[in-house]
């Protein structure tokens, strides 16, 4: 790989790490919402957190139903091609993150899994609704 191709490789690695972070947010976010509600963590019901989580899974499900590839996957592959390296081969970070994110299964498996996951996320909105306002503690400043 030449010096001019190196930035593309670094950007591709950064996109891969970002992709893994998005996956972790979608999967881990649901876990945190459920566990956090049983443990009474108020922050897990923040409207901003919950809307971002619902939006993220909505994008994933929408892409699956439309048969569209993830823009992060497309960008990463384009950057790797510009870097002159084979897609999904490379260093340690690439190897392990790709094994965790990319699977070789029929599209219907992903469509079913994403849709079921989205239904669970939507169910959490009903069972554990997001908080619109914070509870204020009564103290000397609020009395009077």
N, C-alpha and C. Protein backbone atom coordinates (compact mmCIF):
# COMPACT_ATOMS: atom_id res chain seq x y z
N UNK A 1 0.85 -1.17 0.00
CA UNK A 1 0.00 0.00 0.00
C UNK A 1 0.90 1.24 0.00
N UNK A 2 0.60 2.16 -0.88
CA UNK A 2 1.40 3.37 -0.97
C UNK A 2 0.95 4.38 0.08
N UNK A 3 1.76 5.41 0.26
CA UNK A 3 1.46 6.45 1.23
C UNK A 3 0.16 7.16 0.88
N UNK A 4 -0.13 7.33 -0.39
CA UNK A 4 -1.36 8.01 -0.80
C UNK A 4 -2.61 7.16 -0.51
N UNK A 5 -2.45 5.85 -0.38
CA UNK A 5 -3.59 4.98 -0.10
C UNK A 5 -3.84 4.81 1.40
N UNK A 6 -2.85 5.16 2.22
CA UNK A 6 -2.96 4.97 3.66
C UNK A 6 -4.13 5.72 4.29
N UNK A 7 -4.37 6.99 3.94
CA UNK A 7 -5.52 7.67 4.57
C UNK A 7 -6.85 6.96 4.30
N UNK A 8 -7.01 6.39 3.10
CA UNK A 8 -8.25 5.68 2.80
C UNK A 8 -8.40 4.46 3.71
N UNK A 9 -7.30 3.77 3.97
CA UNK A 9 -7.32 2.61 4.86
C UNK A 9 -7.70 3.05 6.29
N UNK A 10 -7.14 4.15 6.74
CA UNK A 10 -7.44 4.65 8.08
C UNK A 10 -8.90 5.09 8.19
N UNK A 11 -9.40 5.77 7.15
CA UNK A 11 -10.81 6.17 7.15
C UNK A 11 -11.72 4.95 7.12
N UNK A 12 -11.35 3.93 6.36
CA UNK A 12 -12.15 2.70 6.31
C UNK A 12 -12.20 2.05 7.69
N UNK A 13 -11.06 2.02 8.37
CA UNK A 13 -11.03 1.47 9.73
C UNK A 13 -11.91 2.28 10.67
N UNK A 14 -11.88 3.60 10.52
CA UNK A 14 -12.71 4.47 11.36
C UNK A 14 -14.19 4.22 11.10
N UNK A 15 -14.56 4.02 9.85
CA UNK A 15 -15.96 3.72 9.51
C UNK A 15 -16.37 2.39 10.11
N UNK A 16 -15.48 1.41 10.08
CA UNK A 16 -15.76 0.11 10.67
C UNK A 16 -15.98 0.23 12.18
N UNK A 17 -15.16 1.01 12.85
CA UNK A 17 -15.32 1.21 14.29
C UNK A 17 -16.64 1.94 14.57
N UNK A 18 -16.97 2.94 13.76
CA UNK A 18 -18.24 3.64 13.90
C UNK A 18 -19.41 2.68 13.71
N UNK A 19 -19.30 1.81 12.71
CA UNK A 19 -20.34 0.81 12.43
C UNK A 19 -20.54 -0.10 13.65
N UNK A 20 -19.44 -0.56 14.23
CA UNK A 20 -19.52 -1.41 15.42
C UNK A 20 -20.15 -0.66 16.58
N UNK A 21 -19.85 0.64 16.70
CA UNK A 21 -20.45 1.45 17.77
C UNK A 21 -21.95 1.59 17.58
N UNK A 22 -22.39 1.75 16.34
CA UNK A 22 -23.83 1.85 16.06
C UNK A 22 -24.51 0.53 16.42
N UNK A 23 -23.92 -0.58 16.03
CA UNK A 23 -24.47 -1.90 16.37
C UNK A 23 -24.53 -2.05 17.89
N UNK A 24 -23.47 -1.66 18.59
CA UNK A 24 -23.44 -1.76 20.05
C UNK A 24 -24.51 -0.87 20.68
N UNK A 25 -24.74 0.31 20.09
CA UNK A 25 -25.77 1.21 20.61
C UNK A 25 -27.16 0.60 20.44
N UNK A 26 -27.42 0.02 19.28
CA UNK A 26 -28.74 -0.56 19.03
C UNK A 26 -28.98 -1.76 19.95
N UNK A 27 -28.04 -2.68 20.00
CA UNK A 27 -28.21 -3.89 20.81
C UNK A 27 -28.08 -3.56 22.30
N UNK A 28 -27.00 -2.86 22.66
CA UNK A 28 -26.77 -2.53 24.06
C UNK A 28 -27.81 -1.56 24.60
N UNK A 29 -28.31 -0.67 23.74
CA UNK A 29 -29.32 0.29 24.18
C UNK A 29 -30.58 -0.40 24.65
N UNK A 30 -31.02 -1.41 23.93
CA UNK A 30 -32.22 -2.15 24.34
C UNK A 30 -31.98 -2.83 25.69
N UNK A 31 -30.82 -3.44 25.83
CA UNK A 31 -30.46 -4.08 27.10
C UNK A 31 -30.50 -3.06 28.24
N UNK A 32 -29.90 -1.88 28.01
CA UNK A 32 -29.88 -0.84 29.04
C UNK A 32 -31.27 -0.33 29.38
N UNK A 33 -32.13 -0.21 28.37
CA UNK A 33 -33.50 0.25 28.62
C UNK A 33 -34.24 -0.73 29.52
N UNK A 34 -34.13 -2.00 29.22
CA UNK A 34 -34.85 -3.00 30.01
C UNK A 34 -34.26 -3.11 31.42
N UNK A 35 -32.97 -3.31 31.51
CA UNK A 35 -32.32 -3.44 32.82
C UNK A 35 -32.45 -2.15 33.62
N UNK A 36 -32.25 -1.02 32.95
CA UNK A 36 -32.32 0.26 33.62
C UNK A 36 -33.68 0.56 34.21
N UNK A 37 -34.74 0.11 33.56
CA UNK A 37 -36.07 0.32 34.12
C UNK A 37 -36.31 -0.54 35.35
N UNK A 38 -35.80 -1.74 35.35
CA UNK A 38 -35.94 -2.58 36.54
C UNK A 38 -35.06 -2.09 37.69
N UNK A 39 -33.96 -1.43 37.35
CA UNK A 39 -33.06 -0.90 38.38
C UNK A 39 -33.37 0.57 38.72
N UNK A 40 -34.39 1.12 38.03
CA UNK A 40 -34.85 2.48 38.25
C UNK A 40 -33.81 3.55 37.89
N UNK A 41 -33.11 3.31 36.78
CA UNK A 41 -32.19 4.32 36.25
C UNK A 41 -33.03 5.26 35.40
N UNK A 42 -33.19 6.48 35.83
CA UNK A 42 -34.06 7.41 35.10
C UNK A 42 -33.51 7.79 33.73
N UNK A 43 -32.20 7.83 33.58
CA UNK A 43 -31.61 8.29 32.31
C UNK A 43 -31.97 7.39 31.14
N UNK A 44 -32.29 6.12 31.38
CA UNK A 44 -32.61 5.24 30.26
C UNK A 44 -33.96 5.58 29.62
N UNK A 45 -34.74 6.40 30.29
CA UNK A 45 -36.02 6.82 29.73
C UNK A 45 -35.98 8.24 29.21
N UNK A 46 -34.80 8.79 29.08
CA UNK A 46 -34.65 10.12 28.49
C UNK A 46 -35.22 10.09 27.07
N UNK A 47 -36.02 11.09 26.74
CA UNK A 47 -36.63 11.14 25.42
C UNK A 47 -35.55 11.15 24.33
N UNK A 48 -34.47 11.88 24.55
CA UNK A 48 -33.40 11.95 23.56
C UNK A 48 -32.76 10.57 23.33
N UNK A 49 -32.43 9.89 24.41
CA UNK A 49 -31.83 8.55 24.30
C UNK A 49 -32.79 7.58 23.62
N UNK A 50 -34.03 7.58 24.05
CA UNK A 50 -35.01 6.65 23.51
C UNK A 50 -35.32 6.93 22.06
N UNK A 51 -35.42 8.22 21.69
CA UNK A 51 -35.70 8.57 20.30
C UNK A 51 -34.52 8.19 19.40
N UNK A 52 -33.30 8.43 19.87
CA UNK A 52 -32.12 8.04 19.09
C UNK A 52 -32.08 6.53 18.90
N UNK A 53 -32.41 5.79 19.95
CA UNK A 53 -32.40 4.33 19.87
C UNK A 53 -33.47 3.82 18.91
N UNK A 54 -34.68 4.35 19.04
CA UNK A 54 -35.76 3.96 18.13
C UNK A 54 -35.43 4.34 16.70
N UNK A 55 -34.87 5.52 16.49
CA UNK A 55 -34.49 5.97 15.15
C UNK A 55 -33.44 5.06 14.54
N UNK A 56 -32.47 4.64 15.34
CA UNK A 56 -31.40 3.77 14.82
C UNK A 56 -31.95 2.43 14.34
N UNK A 57 -32.81 1.81 15.14
CA UNK A 57 -33.35 0.52 14.71
C UNK A 57 -34.34 0.71 13.56
N UNK A 58 -35.03 1.84 13.52
CA UNK A 58 -35.94 2.11 12.40
C UNK A 58 -35.18 2.20 11.08
N UNK A 59 -34.01 2.82 11.10
CA UNK A 59 -33.19 2.90 9.89
C UNK A 59 -32.75 1.51 9.46
N UNK A 60 -32.31 0.69 10.41
CA UNK A 60 -31.86 -0.67 10.09
C UNK A 60 -33.00 -1.49 9.49
N UNK A 61 -34.17 -1.43 10.12
CA UNK A 61 -35.32 -2.20 9.62
C UNK A 61 -35.77 -1.68 8.27
N UNK A 62 -35.80 -0.36 8.13
CA UNK A 62 -36.19 0.23 6.85
C UNK A 62 -35.29 -0.21 5.72
N UNK A 63 -33.99 -0.21 5.97
CA UNK A 63 -33.04 -0.67 4.94
C UNK A 63 -33.27 -2.14 4.61
N UNK A 64 -33.52 -2.95 5.63
CA UNK A 64 -33.74 -4.37 5.40
C UNK A 64 -35.00 -4.61 4.57
N UNK A 65 -36.09 -3.92 4.91
CA UNK A 65 -37.33 -4.08 4.16
C UNK A 65 -37.21 -3.58 2.73
N UNK A 66 -36.41 -2.54 2.53
CA UNK A 66 -36.22 -2.01 1.17
C UNK A 66 -35.13 -2.75 0.40
N UNK A 67 -34.43 -3.64 1.06
CA UNK A 67 -33.35 -4.36 0.40
C UNK A 67 -32.14 -3.49 0.13
N UNK A 68 -31.98 -2.42 0.89
CA UNK A 68 -30.88 -1.48 0.70
C UNK A 68 -29.70 -1.86 1.58
N UNK A 69 -28.52 -1.64 1.08
CA UNK A 69 -27.31 -1.89 1.86
C UNK A 69 -27.09 -0.74 2.82
N UNK A 70 -26.46 -1.03 3.92
CA UNK A 70 -26.14 -0.01 4.92
C UNK A 70 -25.14 0.98 4.34
N UNK A 71 -25.39 2.28 4.49
CA UNK A 71 -24.46 3.28 3.95
C UNK A 71 -23.06 3.17 4.55
N UNK A 72 -22.96 2.75 5.80
CA UNK A 72 -21.64 2.58 6.41
C UNK A 72 -20.87 1.44 5.76
N UNK A 73 -21.57 0.37 5.43
CA UNK A 73 -20.93 -0.76 4.73
C UNK A 73 -20.45 -0.32 3.35
N UNK A 74 -21.29 0.40 2.65
CA UNK A 74 -20.93 0.88 1.30
C UNK A 74 -19.72 1.79 1.38
N UNK A 75 -19.74 2.75 2.32
CA UNK A 75 -18.62 3.69 2.46
C UNK A 75 -17.33 2.96 2.81
N UNK A 76 -17.41 2.03 3.73
CA UNK A 76 -16.21 1.29 4.13
C UNK A 76 -15.63 0.53 2.94
N UNK A 77 -16.46 -0.14 2.18
CA UNK A 77 -15.97 -0.90 1.02
C UNK A 77 -15.34 0.02 -0.02
N UNK A 78 -15.98 1.18 -0.27
CA UNK A 78 -15.41 2.13 -1.23
C UNK A 78 -14.05 2.64 -0.77
N UNK A 79 -13.93 2.93 0.51
CA UNK A 79 -12.65 3.41 1.04
C UNK A 79 -11.57 2.32 0.94
N UNK A 80 -11.94 1.09 1.20
CA UNK A 80 -10.96 -0.01 1.10
C UNK A 80 -10.52 -0.21 -0.36
N UNK A 81 -11.46 -0.07 -1.28
CA UNK A 81 -11.10 -0.19 -2.69
C UNK A 81 -10.14 0.92 -3.09
N UNK A 82 -10.40 2.16 -2.63
CA UNK A 82 -9.49 3.28 -2.92
C UNK A 82 -8.13 3.09 -2.27
N UNK A 83 -8.11 2.37 -1.15
CA UNK A 83 -6.84 2.09 -0.48
C UNK A 83 -6.09 0.97 -1.17
N UNK A 84 -6.76 0.30 -2.10
CA UNK A 84 -6.10 -0.79 -2.83
C UNK A 84 -5.99 -2.07 -2.03
N UNK A 85 -6.88 -2.24 -1.05
CA UNK A 85 -6.84 -3.47 -0.25
C UNK A 85 -8.13 -4.25 -0.48
N UNK A 86 -8.03 -5.53 -0.24
CA UNK A 86 -9.21 -6.39 -0.40
C UNK A 86 -10.21 -6.05 0.70
N UNK A 87 -11.47 -6.12 0.36
CA UNK A 87 -12.50 -5.83 1.36
C UNK A 87 -12.54 -6.96 2.38
N UNK A 88 -12.67 -6.54 3.62
CA UNK A 88 -12.80 -7.43 4.77
C UNK A 88 -11.60 -8.31 5.03
N UNK A 89 -10.44 -7.89 4.58
CA UNK A 89 -9.18 -8.53 4.97
C UNK A 89 -8.30 -7.45 5.56
N UNK A 90 -7.43 -7.79 6.47
CA UNK A 90 -6.55 -6.75 6.99
C UNK A 90 -6.10 -7.01 8.40
N UNK A 91 -5.96 -5.93 9.14
CA UNK A 91 -5.38 -5.97 10.48
C UNK A 91 -6.32 -6.50 11.54
N UNK A 92 -5.82 -6.43 12.76
CA UNK A 92 -6.50 -6.98 13.92
C UNK A 92 -7.88 -6.37 14.11
N UNK A 93 -7.96 -5.03 14.14
CA UNK A 93 -9.24 -4.36 14.38
C UNK A 93 -10.24 -4.75 13.31
N UNK A 94 -9.82 -4.67 12.07
CA UNK A 94 -10.71 -5.04 10.96
C UNK A 94 -11.22 -6.47 11.11
N UNK A 95 -10.28 -7.38 11.34
CA UNK A 95 -10.62 -8.80 11.38
C UNK A 95 -11.69 -9.09 12.42
N UNK A 96 -11.50 -8.63 13.66
CA UNK A 96 -12.42 -8.98 14.73
C UNK A 96 -13.72 -8.20 14.68
N UNK A 97 -13.67 -6.93 14.32
CA UNK A 97 -14.92 -6.18 14.20
C UNK A 97 -15.78 -6.70 13.06
N UNK A 98 -15.13 -7.06 11.96
CA UNK A 98 -15.89 -7.59 10.82
C UNK A 98 -16.53 -8.93 11.15
N UNK A 99 -15.82 -9.75 11.90
CA UNK A 99 -16.39 -11.05 12.27
C UNK A 99 -17.60 -10.86 13.19
N UNK A 100 -17.60 -9.80 13.99
CA UNK A 100 -18.70 -9.55 14.90
C UNK A 100 -19.90 -8.93 14.19
N UNK A 101 -19.65 -8.19 13.10
CA UNK A 101 -20.74 -7.45 12.44
C UNK A 101 -21.30 -8.18 11.23
N UNK A 102 -20.45 -8.75 10.40
CA UNK A 102 -20.90 -9.30 9.11
C UNK A 102 -21.07 -10.80 9.17
N UNK A 103 -22.23 -11.25 8.74
CA UNK A 103 -22.53 -12.68 8.69
C UNK A 103 -22.98 -13.04 7.29
N UNK A 104 -22.74 -14.28 6.90
CA UNK A 104 -23.14 -14.74 5.58
C UNK A 104 -24.40 -15.59 5.73
N UNK A 105 -25.55 -14.92 5.78
CA UNK A 105 -26.84 -15.58 5.92
C UNK A 105 -27.79 -15.04 4.87
N UNK A 106 -28.86 -15.77 4.55
CA UNK A 106 -29.84 -15.26 3.58
C UNK A 106 -30.48 -13.96 4.09
N UNK A 107 -30.84 -13.07 3.18
CA UNK A 107 -31.43 -11.78 3.59
C UNK A 107 -32.68 -11.91 4.47
N UNK A 108 -33.50 -12.94 4.27
CA UNK A 108 -34.72 -13.08 5.06
C UNK A 108 -34.41 -13.27 6.54
N UNK A 109 -33.26 -13.83 6.86
CA UNK A 109 -32.87 -14.03 8.27
C UNK A 109 -32.68 -12.66 8.93
N UNK A 110 -31.98 -11.77 8.22
CA UNK A 110 -31.75 -10.43 8.76
C UNK A 110 -33.05 -9.65 8.86
N UNK A 111 -33.88 -9.73 7.83
CA UNK A 111 -35.16 -9.03 7.82
C UNK A 111 -36.02 -9.47 9.00
N UNK A 112 -36.08 -10.76 9.24
CA UNK A 112 -36.87 -11.28 10.36
C UNK A 112 -36.27 -10.85 11.70
N UNK A 113 -34.96 -10.98 11.82
CA UNK A 113 -34.30 -10.61 13.08
C UNK A 113 -34.42 -9.12 13.38
N UNK A 114 -34.18 -8.28 12.39
CA UNK A 114 -34.29 -6.84 12.58
C UNK A 114 -35.71 -6.44 12.92
N UNK A 115 -36.67 -7.04 12.24
CA UNK A 115 -38.08 -6.71 12.48
C UNK A 115 -38.50 -7.13 13.89
N UNK A 116 -38.10 -8.32 14.31
CA UNK A 116 -38.43 -8.79 15.66
C UNK A 116 -37.78 -7.90 16.71
N UNK A 117 -36.53 -7.52 16.47
CA UNK A 117 -35.83 -6.63 17.39
C UNK A 117 -36.56 -5.29 17.49
N UNK A 118 -36.98 -4.75 16.35
CA UNK A 118 -37.70 -3.48 16.33
C UNK A 118 -39.01 -3.58 17.10
N UNK A 119 -39.71 -4.70 16.99
CA UNK A 119 -40.95 -4.89 17.74
C UNK A 119 -40.68 -4.89 19.24
N UNK A 120 -39.57 -5.45 19.66
CA UNK A 120 -39.20 -5.43 21.08
C UNK A 120 -38.92 -3.99 21.52
N UNK A 121 -38.20 -3.23 20.68
CA UNK A 121 -37.92 -1.82 20.99
C UNK A 121 -39.21 -1.04 21.13
N UNK A 122 -40.14 -1.26 20.20
CA UNK A 122 -41.43 -0.57 20.25
C UNK A 122 -42.20 -0.99 21.51
N UNK A 123 -42.14 -2.28 21.83
CA UNK A 123 -42.79 -2.77 23.06
C UNK A 123 -42.23 -2.09 24.30
N UNK A 124 -40.95 -1.81 24.30
CA UNK A 124 -40.34 -1.12 25.44
C UNK A 124 -40.88 0.30 25.58
N UNK A 125 -41.24 0.93 24.46
CA UNK A 125 -41.85 2.26 24.55
C UNK A 125 -43.19 2.17 25.28
N UNK A 126 -43.89 1.06 25.12
CA UNK A 126 -45.17 0.91 25.77
C UNK A 126 -44.99 0.50 27.24
N UNK A 127 -44.14 -0.49 27.50
CA UNK A 127 -43.91 -0.96 28.87
C UNK A 127 -43.13 0.03 29.72
N UNK A 128 -42.15 0.69 29.11
CA UNK A 128 -41.29 1.65 29.80
C UNK A 128 -41.29 2.97 29.02
N UNK A 129 -42.35 3.74 29.12
CA UNK A 129 -42.43 4.96 28.30
C UNK A 129 -41.32 5.96 28.64
N UNK A 130 -40.84 6.69 27.64
CA UNK A 130 -39.82 7.70 27.90
C UNK A 130 -40.38 8.82 28.78
N UNK A 131 -39.50 9.45 29.53
CA UNK A 131 -39.89 10.55 30.40
C UNK A 131 -39.77 11.85 29.64
N UNK A 132 -40.79 12.67 29.72
CA UNK A 132 -40.74 13.98 29.07
C UNK A 132 -40.17 15.03 30.00
N UNK A 133 -40.39 14.87 31.28
CA UNK A 133 -39.87 15.86 32.22
C UNK A 133 -39.15 15.14 33.34
N UNK A 134 -38.23 15.85 33.94
CA UNK A 134 -37.52 15.30 35.10
C UNK A 134 -38.33 15.62 36.35
N UNK A 135 -38.28 14.71 37.29
CA UNK A 135 -38.92 14.98 38.57
C UNK A 135 -38.02 15.95 39.33
N UNK A 136 -38.61 17.00 39.83
CA UNK A 136 -37.84 17.98 40.58
C UNK A 136 -37.95 17.67 42.07
N UNK A 137 -36.82 17.79 42.72
CA UNK A 137 -36.82 17.59 44.17
C UNK A 137 -37.32 18.86 44.83
N UNK A 138 -38.09 18.67 45.82
CA UNK A 138 -38.58 19.83 46.56
C UNK A 138 -37.52 20.22 47.56
N UNK A 139 -37.18 21.42 47.52
CA UNK A 139 -36.18 21.94 48.44
C UNK A 139 -36.52 23.36 48.82
N UNK A 140 -35.64 24.00 49.56
CA UNK A 140 -35.91 25.36 50.01
C UNK A 140 -36.17 26.34 48.87
N UNK A 141 -35.50 26.17 47.73
CA UNK A 141 -35.67 27.10 46.61
C UNK A 141 -37.03 26.93 45.92
N UNK A 142 -37.60 25.71 45.97
CA UNK A 142 -38.85 25.48 45.27
C UNK A 142 -40.06 25.69 46.17
N UNK A 143 -39.85 25.86 47.47
CA UNK A 143 -40.95 26.10 48.39
C UNK A 143 -41.24 27.58 48.46
N UNK A 144 -42.47 27.91 48.56
CA UNK A 144 -42.67 29.30 48.79
C UNK A 144 -43.62 29.96 47.98
